[in-house]
Amino acid sequence: MNAVLKVFYNLFEVRFKVKKSALFLALSLFLIPCYAYSYNSPSILVFAGAGMREPLDEIGKEFTKIYNIEVVYDYEGSGRLGNKILAGQRPDIFIPGAERWAKLLKEKGHVKAYQAIAFHIPVIIAPFGSSKIVRLQDFLKKDVRLVTGDEMACAIGKATLQIFSSAGLDKAGMNIIAKGVTVKQLLFWIEQNNADAGIVWRADAVQSGKVKIVDIPIAINHIDIIPVCTMTKTKPKGIYGKTVLKYIKFLLNEGRVEFKKHGFKTDHEGL
């Protein structure tokens, strides 16, 4: 009986060792490539307002092609991204749609410094062929269905409220049927004729090509900068110097050309 038990014990021990060795080999094959990738191919995490997706995607591809450094973007409304940072998330760079979030996060100790790459200019949009909207005051018409940005979620929402205030318009008298968390959401609603008007950034309206654009007078408009923020809490200094600063330099030089190509204004002329 003891001999039988010994045989079973030996068989179990051999099978366990084989399985253990196979598991170790599998983990080794999985982990070695990951380590090699992180060592040879550093990456940068960028939090950016959803309205900058088109130029930033192109800039990221070109930067990766030249320097073999991957750029990973997290696109959302500036308010949502700002709150992520306040909650403890740590991007390498933050590019919100307005200076407000750069200032706030600098005051809170999350942003070290920032520089403007372009300007955000609000415009009114309406479906192509619509005659309901010719000026901002038309927002007070009861038959005009409006969509606006959520002031807590995206920069255009806050800018819209400031424009209403400058124009002496009370949003309580407007027929606001929905609030969007990104500019792209507002554009989609207007493109699909689900609403009669809204306010978005000019660059997004130009990129769309599917909406009517009505300018807002400069005297009451709220034009903002698009800041590129360097963070105080990010990667170790050595890696930071080799990757993040290189990307920022590329962004503020070659990147401006890409922003201009996508409808953004990159200089002060006419503002």
Foldseek 3Di string as FASTA:
>chain_A
DVVVVVVVVVVVVVVVVVVVVVVVVVVCVVPVVVVVCCVVAPEFEEEEEQLCVQLVVVLQVVCCVVPVHHYHYDYFALLVVLVVVVVPDAGQKYWAQFCVSVVVCVVVQWFDDKDFQFKWWKWKKFFPPDPQDQAPVSQLDAPFEEEEADVNQHPRRVQVVQLCVLVVHDCVSGNYDYHHNHLVVRVVCRLVVVGGMYMDTQLSVQLVVGIDIHHYDPSRGDMGTTMITGTPDDDPPVVSVVPVVVSVVSCNPVSSVSCVVSPTGRDDPPD
